[in-house]
Amino acid sequence: MSKPISTNTNTSTNTSTSISISTTTFLLWSVLVIALAVNVSTSFAFDGVRQILISVCTGVLALASGAALYLRRDRTA
């Protein structure tokens, strides 16, 4: 006995997997990584008030993007 061959011709255009990352999440991760890198490098490149201002701004960006990523996480229990 031979098994029938499946002729499933489902040509769905939505072929995304569960691993795909949304654009917003990718942007938030990018902002977080860049802000952390700039924050670390300011101590080598700048001094005085300029270093403090850049560090504060990039620190706020890093905290905000980290908080947004935390709030956007999947809540599966």
C-alpha atoms as a PDB file:
ATOM      1  CA  MET A   1       0.000   0.000   0.000  1.00  0.00           C
ATOM      2  CA  SER A   2       1.300   3.409  -0.874  1.00  0.00           C
ATOM      3  CA  LYS A   3       0.608   6.499   1.172  1.00  0.00           C
ATOM      4  CA  PRO A   4      -1.088   9.417  -0.576  1.00  0.00           C
ATOM      5  CA  ILE A   5       1.118  12.352  -1.391  1.00  0.00           C
ATOM      6  CA  SER A   6       0.090  15.577   0.288  1.00  0.00           C
ATOM      7  CA  THR A   7      -0.847  18.273  -2.165  1.00  0.00           C
ATOM      8  CA  ASN A   8      -1.013  21.134   0.292  1.00  0.00           C
ATOM      9  CA  THR A   9      -0.622  24.277  -1.787  1.00  0.00           C
ATOM     10  CA  ASN A  10      -0.989  26.787   1.012  1.00  0.00           C
ATOM     11  CA  THR A  11       0.854  29.843  -0.263  1.00  0.00           C
ATOM     12  CA  SER A  12       0.376  32.104   2.694  1.00  0.00           C
ATOM     13  CA  THR A  13       2.251  35.379   2.437  1.00  0.00           C
ATOM     14  CA  ASN A  14       2.726  35.572   6.204  1.00  0.00           C
ATOM     15  CA  THR A  15       5.732  33.336   6.761  1.00  0.00           C
ATOM     16  CA  SER A  16       7.113  35.070   9.861  1.00  0.00           C
ATOM     17  CA  THR A  17       8.266  32.933  12.744  1.00  0.00           C
ATOM     18  CA  SER A  18       7.988  33.492  16.456  1.00  0.00           C
ATOM     19  CA  ILE A  19      11.653  34.484  16.537  1.00  0.00           C
ATOM     20  CA  SER A  20      11.156  37.642  14.508  1.00  0.00           C
ATOM     21  CA  ILE A  21      11.687  40.935  16.297  1.00  0.00           C
ATOM     22  CA  SER A  22       9.410  43.895  15.751  1.00  0.00           C
ATOM     23  CA  THR A  23      10.860  47.130  14.430  1.00  0.00           C
ATOM     24  CA  THR A  24      10.160  48.956  17.675  1.00  0.00           C
ATOM     25  CA  THR A  25      11.970  46.361  19.757  1.00  0.00           C
ATOM     26  CA  PHE A  26      14.944  46.426  17.401  1.00  0.00           C
ATOM     27  CA  LEU A  27      15.054  50.220  17.600  1.00  0.00           C
ATOM     28  CA  LEU A  28      14.892  50.176  21.406  1.00  0.00           C
ATOM     29  CA  TRP A  29      17.724  47.634  21.627  1.00  0.00           C
ATOM     30  CA  SER A  30      19.787  49.728  19.220  1.00  0.00           C
ATOM     31  CA  VAL A  31      19.230  52.899  21.246  1.00  0.00           C
ATOM     32  CA  LEU A  32      20.138  51.054  24.457  1.00  0.00           C
ATOM     33  CA  VAL A  33      23.394  49.635  23.079  1.00  0.00           C
ATOM     34  CA  ILE A  34      24.460  52.906  21.448  1.00  0.00           C
ATOM     35  CA  ALA A  35      23.612  54.938  24.563  1.00  0.00           C
ATOM     36  CA  LEU A  36      25.635  52.580  26.753  1.00  0.00           C
ATOM     37  CA  ALA A  37      28.602  52.678  24.386  1.00  0.00           C
ATOM     38  CA  VAL A  38      28.563  56.479  24.198  1.00  0.00           C
ATOM     39  CA  ASN A  39      28.134  56.739  27.969  1.00  0.00           C
ATOM     40  CA  VAL A  40      31.205  54.593  28.574  1.00  0.00           C
ATOM     41  CA  SER A  41      33.308  56.360  25.963  1.00  0.00           C
ATOM     42  CA  THR A  42      32.550  59.878  27.233  1.00  0.00           C
ATOM     43  CA  SER A  43      34.946  59.416  30.137  1.00  0.00           C
ATOM     44  CA  PHE A  44      37.779  58.869  27.657  1.00  0.00           C
ATOM     45  CA  ALA A  45      36.846  61.536  25.106  1.00  0.00           C
ATOM     46  CA  PHE A  46      35.546  64.475  27.161  1.00  0.00           C
ATOM     47  CA  ASP A  47      36.134  66.151  30.496  1.00  0.00           C
ATOM     48  CA  GLY A  48      34.392  68.645  32.723  1.00  0.00           C
ATOM     49  CA  VAL A  49      30.861  69.864  32.151  1.00  0.00           C
ATOM     50  CA  ARG A  50      30.652  68.425  28.630  1.00  0.00           C
ATOM     51  CA  GLN A  51      31.314  64.904  29.947  1.00  0.00           C
ATOM     52  CA  ILE A  52      28.661  65.297  32.638  1.00  0.00           C
ATOM     53  CA  LEU A  53      26.028  66.591  30.216  1.00  0.00           C
ATOM     54  CA  ILE A  54      26.643  63.853  27.649  1.00  0.00           C
ATOM     55  CA  SER A  55      26.710  61.176  30.344  1.00  0.00           C
ATOM     56  CA  VAL A  56      23.428  62.390  31.823  1.00  0.00           C
ATOM     57  CA  CYS A  57      21.700  62.488  28.426  1.00  0.00           C
ATOM     58  CA  THR A  58      22.908  59.058  27.364  1.00  0.00           C
ATOM     59  CA  GLY A  59      22.116  57.665  30.803  1.00  0.00           C
ATOM     60  CA  VAL A  60      18.545  58.912  30.555  1.00  0.00           C
ATOM     61  CA  LEU A  61      18.254  57.392  27.073  1.00  0.00           C
ATOM     62  CA  ALA A  62      19.596  54.057  28.322  1.00  0.00           C
ATOM     63  CA  LEU A  63      17.210  53.995  31.286  1.00  0.00           C
ATOM     64  CA  ALA A  64      14.226  54.970  29.136  1.00  0.00           C
ATOM     65  CA  SER A  65      14.894  52.372  26.452  1.00  0.00           C
ATOM     66  CA  GLY A  66      15.563  49.717  29.101  1.00  0.00           C
ATOM     67  CA  ALA A  67      12.272  50.540  30.812  1.00  0.00           C
ATOM     68  CA  ALA A  68      10.418  50.449  27.482  1.00  0.00           C
ATOM     69  CA  LEU A  69      11.940  47.052  26.649  1.00  0.00           C
ATOM     70  CA  TYR A  70      10.919  45.772  30.080  1.00  0.00           C
ATOM     71  CA  LEU A  71       7.349  46.960  29.617  1.00  0.00           C
ATOM     72  CA  ARG A  72       7.139  45.455  26.091  1.00  0.00           C
ATOM     73  CA  ARG A  73       8.358  41.978  27.103  1.00  0.00           C
ATOM     74  CA  ASP A  74       6.226  38.865  26.586  1.00  0.00           C
ATOM     75  CA  ARG A  75       4.391  37.936  29.744  1.00  0.00           C
ATOM     76  CA  THR A  76       4.005  34.183  29.461  1.00  0.00           C
ATOM     77  CA  ALA A  77       3.630  32.283  32.685  1.00  0.00           C
END
